[in-house]
């Protein structure tokens, strides 16, 4: 079973390809919802040496960053083996 944990936002790396899908309106809407209700769904990251690499949850990550949060709730997943 995967467990939620708090991780520093500054340690989350977002791959360039994933950044292309960022929608500022979605970030703004999520930031409003997080302010009112808190973060409901954790982001998904994998550990890559010294940092975390974002797997899922770009808009949640950016919404929390926009709100000035230092940490975010995340689930640590294993990288896929090819």
Protein backbone atom coordinates (compact mmCIF):
# COMPACT_ATOMS: atom_id res chain seq x y z
CA UNK A 1 0.00 0.00 0.00
CA UNK A 2 1.30 3.42 -0.93
CA UNK A 3 1.39 6.04 1.78
CA UNK A 4 0.99 9.82 1.48
CA UNK A 5 3.92 11.91 2.64
CA UNK A 6 4.85 15.59 2.68
CA UNK A 7 7.74 16.55 0.42
CA UNK A 8 9.39 19.93 -0.24
CA UNK A 9 8.04 21.58 -3.38
CA UNK A 10 11.54 22.87 -4.16
CA UNK A 11 12.77 19.27 -4.54
CA UNK A 12 10.19 18.34 -7.22
CA UNK A 13 11.54 18.35 -10.77
CA UNK A 14 9.03 18.73 -13.60
CA UNK A 15 10.21 17.27 -16.93
CA UNK A 16 10.10 19.78 -19.80
CA UNK A 17 7.68 17.64 -21.81
CA UNK A 18 5.22 17.62 -18.89
CA UNK A 19 5.48 21.42 -18.49
CA UNK A 20 4.01 21.85 -21.97
CA UNK A 21 0.63 20.65 -20.68
CA UNK A 22 0.35 23.41 -18.05
CA UNK A 23 -2.90 25.41 -18.19
CA UNK A 24 -2.75 28.61 -16.07
CA UNK A 25 -6.56 28.72 -15.70
CA UNK A 26 -6.59 25.22 -14.24
CA UNK A 27 -3.83 26.20 -11.80
CA UNK A 28 -5.85 29.23 -10.68
CA UNK A 29 -9.03 27.18 -10.18
CA UNK A 30 -7.15 24.50 -8.24
CA UNK A 31 -5.44 27.13 -6.07
CA UNK A 32 -8.87 28.52 -5.12
CA UNK A 33 -10.16 25.02 -4.32
CA UNK A 34 -7.06 24.17 -2.27
CA UNK A 35 -7.46 27.40 -0.30
CA UNK A 36 -11.05 26.49 0.55
CA UNK A 37 -10.81 22.73 1.03
CA UNK A 38 -7.12 21.82 1.25
CA UNK A 39 -5.26 19.46 -1.05
CA UNK A 40 -7.58 16.50 -1.63
CA UNK A 41 -5.44 14.36 -3.94
CA UNK A 42 -1.70 13.81 -3.56
CA UNK A 43 0.64 14.24 -6.49
CA UNK A 44 2.69 11.24 -7.65
CA UNK A 45 6.47 11.39 -7.77
CA UNK A 46 9.38 9.01 -8.16
CA UNK A 47 12.70 9.44 -6.41
CA UNK A 48 15.65 10.15 -8.69
CA UNK A 49 18.74 10.44 -6.51
CA UNK A 50 18.64 13.87 -4.88
CA UNK A 51 15.24 14.98 -6.15
CA UNK A 52 11.70 13.86 -6.86
CA UNK A 53 10.48 13.65 -10.45
CA UNK A 54 6.83 14.50 -11.05
CA UNK A 55 4.80 11.62 -12.47
CA UNK A 56 1.27 13.01 -12.04
CA UNK A 57 -0.22 16.22 -10.62
CA UNK A 58 1.38 19.16 -12.43
CA UNK A 59 -1.56 21.50 -11.84
CA UNK A 60 -1.81 20.60 -8.14
CA UNK A 61 1.93 21.18 -7.75
CA UNK A 62 1.79 24.57 -9.47
CA UNK A 63 -1.33 25.59 -7.52
CA UNK A 64 0.41 24.86 -4.21
CA UNK A 65 3.51 26.68 -5.43
CA UNK A 66 1.36 29.70 -6.40
CA UNK A 67 -0.15 29.69 -2.90
CA UNK A 68 3.34 29.94 -1.41
CA UNK A 69 3.33 26.46 0.11
CA UNK A 70 6.72 24.95 1.02
CA UNK A 71 5.58 21.32 0.89
CA UNK A 72 2.98 19.18 -0.84
CA UNK A 73 1.33 15.84 -0.15
CA UNK A 74 2.71 13.19 -2.49
CA UNK A 75 2.78 9.46 -3.11
CA UNK A 76 6.19 8.01 -3.92
CA UNK A 77 5.97 5.47 -6.75
CA UNK A 78 8.60 3.24 -8.37
CA UNK A 79 9.95 4.05 -11.81
CA UNK A 80 8.78 1.68 -14.54
CA UNK A 81 11.31 -0.92 -15.54
CA UNK A 82 11.65 -1.38 -19.30
